[in-house]
C-alpha atoms as a PDB file:
ATOM      1  CA  UNK A   1       8.463   3.819 -56.568  1.00  0.00           C
ATOM      2  CA  UNK A   2      11.130   6.410 -55.900  1.00  0.00           C
ATOM      3  CA  UNK A   3      13.121   6.540 -52.655  1.00  0.00           C
ATOM      4  CA  UNK A   4      11.589   9.857 -51.478  1.00  0.00           C
ATOM      5  CA  UNK A   5       7.999   8.575 -50.889  1.00  0.00           C
ATOM      6  CA  UNK A   6       9.437   5.476 -49.252  1.00  0.00           C
ATOM      7  CA  UNK A   7      11.507   7.646 -46.892  1.00  0.00           C
ATOM      8  CA  UNK A   8       8.472   9.810 -46.071  1.00  0.00           C
ATOM      9  CA  UNK A   9       6.387   6.701 -45.393  1.00  0.00           C
ATOM     10  CA  UNK A  10       9.159   5.301 -43.235  1.00  0.00           C
ATOM     11  CA  UNK A  11       9.486   8.554 -41.273  1.00  0.00           C
ATOM     12  CA  UNK A  12       5.723   8.720 -40.708  1.00  0.00           C
ATOM     13  CA  UNK A  13       5.722   5.120 -39.541  1.00  0.00           C
ATOM     14  CA  UNK A  14       8.597   5.806 -37.130  1.00  0.00           C
ATOM     15  CA  UNK A  15       6.875   8.948 -35.830  1.00  0.00           C
ATOM     16  CA  UNK A  16       3.636   6.997 -35.227  1.00  0.00           C
ATOM     17  CA  UNK A  17       5.516   4.237 -33.428  1.00  0.00           C
ATOM     18  CA  UNK A  18       7.331   6.793 -31.224  1.00  0.00           C
ATOM     19  CA  UNK A  19       4.055   8.534 -30.339  1.00  0.00           C
ATOM     20  CA  UNK A  20       2.406   5.208 -29.430  1.00  0.00           C
ATOM     21  CA  UNK A  21       5.439   4.198 -27.387  1.00  0.00           C
ATOM     22  CA  UNK A  22       5.380   7.502 -25.457  1.00  0.00           C
ATOM     23  CA  UNK A  23       1.656   7.135 -24.750  1.00  0.00           C
ATOM     24  CA  UNK A  24       2.233   3.578 -23.517  1.00  0.00           C
ATOM     25  CA  UNK A  25       5.128   4.709 -21.327  1.00  0.00           C
ATOM     26  CA  UNK A  26       3.000   7.479 -19.800  1.00  0.00           C
ATOM     27  CA  UNK A  27       0.173   4.996 -19.040  1.00  0.00           C
ATOM     28  CA  UNK A  28       2.639   2.556 -17.490  1.00  0.00           C
ATOM     29  CA  UNK A  29       4.124   5.306 -15.310  1.00  0.00           C
ATOM     30  CA  UNK A  30       0.645   6.346 -14.151  1.00  0.00           C
ATOM     31  CA  UNK A  31      -0.262   2.735 -13.341  1.00  0.00           C
ATOM     32  CA  UNK A  32       2.969   2.208 -11.398  1.00  0.00           C
ATOM     33  CA  UNK A  33       2.486   5.407  -9.396  1.00  0.00           C
ATOM     34  CA  UNK A  34      -1.100   4.415  -8.554  1.00  0.00           C
ATOM     35  CA  UNK A  35       0.058   0.928  -7.519  1.00  0.00           C
ATOM     36  CA  UNK A  36       2.813   2.342  -5.290  1.00  0.00           C
ATOM     37  CA  UNK A  37       0.323   4.772  -3.762  1.00  0.00           C
ATOM     38  CA  UNK A  38      -2.002   1.878  -2.970  1.00  0.00           C
ATOM     39  CA  UNK A  39       0.889  -0.006  -1.351  1.00  0.00           C
ATOM     40  CA  UNK A  40       1.741   2.998   0.816  1.00  0.00           C
ATOM     41  CA  UNK A  41      -1.892   3.320   1.927  1.00  0.00           C
ATOM     42  CA  UNK A  42      -2.017  -0.378   2.773  1.00  0.00           C
ATOM     43  CA  UNK A  43       1.201  -0.097   4.778  1.00  0.00           C
ATOM     44  CA  UNK A  44      -0.174   2.887   6.699  1.00  0.00           C
ATOM     45  CA  UNK A  45      -3.411   1.037   7.443  1.00  0.00           C
ATOM     46  CA  UNK A  46      -1.483  -2.027   8.611  1.00  0.00           C
ATOM     47  CA  UNK A  47       0.722   0.082  10.866  1.00  0.00           C
ATOM     48  CA  UNK A  48      -2.337   1.807  12.357  1.00  0.00           C
ATOM     49  CA  UNK A  49      -4.044  -1.555  12.915  1.00  0.00           C
ATOM     50  CA  UNK A  50      -0.942  -2.959  14.605  1.00  0.00           C
ATOM     51  CA  UNK A  51      -0.771   0.062  16.928  1.00  0.00           C
ATOM     52  CA  UNK A  52      -4.463  -0.355  17.784  1.00  0.00           C
ATOM     53  CA  UNK A  53      -3.960  -4.060  18.478  1.00  0.00           C
ATOM     54  CA  UNK A  54      -0.983  -3.330  20.722  1.00  0.00           C
ATOM     55  CA  UNK A  55      -3.018  -0.748  22.650  1.00  0.00           C
ATOM     56  CA  UNK A  56      -5.934  -3.171  22.990  1.00  0.00           C
ATOM     57  CA  UNK A  57      -3.642  -5.944  24.233  1.00  0.00           C
ATOM     58  CA  UNK A  58      -2.088  -3.585  26.750  1.00  0.00           C
ATOM     59  CA  UNK A  59      -5.551  -2.657  28.015  1.00  0.00           C
ATOM     60  CA  UNK A  60      -6.549  -6.332  28.301  1.00  0.00           C
ATOM     61  CA  UNK A  61      -3.335  -7.018  30.216  1.00  0.00           C
ATOM     62  CA  UNK A  62      -4.078  -4.199  32.652  1.00  0.00           C
ATOM     63  CA  UNK A  63      -7.625  -5.484  33.194  1.00  0.00           C
ATOM     64  CA  UNK A  64      -6.329  -9.002  33.852  1.00  0.00           C
ATOM     65  CA  UNK A  65      -3.780  -7.685  36.366  1.00  0.00           C
ATOM     66  CA  UNK A  66      -6.524  -5.740  38.111  1.00  0.00           C
ATOM     67  CA  UNK A  67      -8.794  -8.811  38.173  1.00  0.00           C
ATOM     68  CA  UNK A  68      -5.944 -10.889  39.634  1.00  0.00           C
ATOM     69  CA  UNK A  69      -5.404  -8.315  42.385  1.00  0.00           C
ATOM     70  CA  UNK A  70      -9.128  -8.240  43.193  1.00  0.00           C
ATOM     71  CA  UNK A  71      -9.227 -12.034  43.253  1.00  0.00           C
ATOM     72  CA  UNK A  72      -6.205 -12.268  45.575  1.00  0.00           C
ATOM     73  CA  UNK A  73      -7.698  -9.628  47.871  1.00  0.00           C
ATOM     74  CA  UNK A  74     -10.996 -11.508  48.052  1.00  0.00           C
ATOM     75  CA  UNK A  75      -9.156 -14.781  48.797  1.00  0.00           C
ATOM     76  CA  UNK A  76      -7.328 -13.069  51.669  1.00  0.00           C
ATOM     77  CA  UNK A  77     -10.625 -11.741  53.011  1.00  0.00           C
ATOM     78  CA  UNK A  78     -12.157 -15.225  52.934  1.00  0.00           C
ATOM     79  CA  UNK A  79      -9.267 -16.893  54.693  1.00  0.00           C
END
C-alpha cells in the first residue's frame, strides 16, 4: 500500500473525529446552558417563596399582636 491512500484514510479519519468532537461539544454546551437555566429558575422560585413566607409570617405576627391587644382590653373590662 502506498503512502498516499494511507494519508487520505488518515485525513478522513481525523476529519470524522473532529466532526464528532464538535457535535459532542455542541450537545454538551446545550446541556450545560439548559442546566444553568433550570438552576436560575429554581433560585427565582425559592426567592419568591421566601418572600411569600416572610409576608405570611409578618401577617401572622400582626394578627397575634391584635389578638393580644383585644385580650388585654377584655381583661381590663372584666376587672
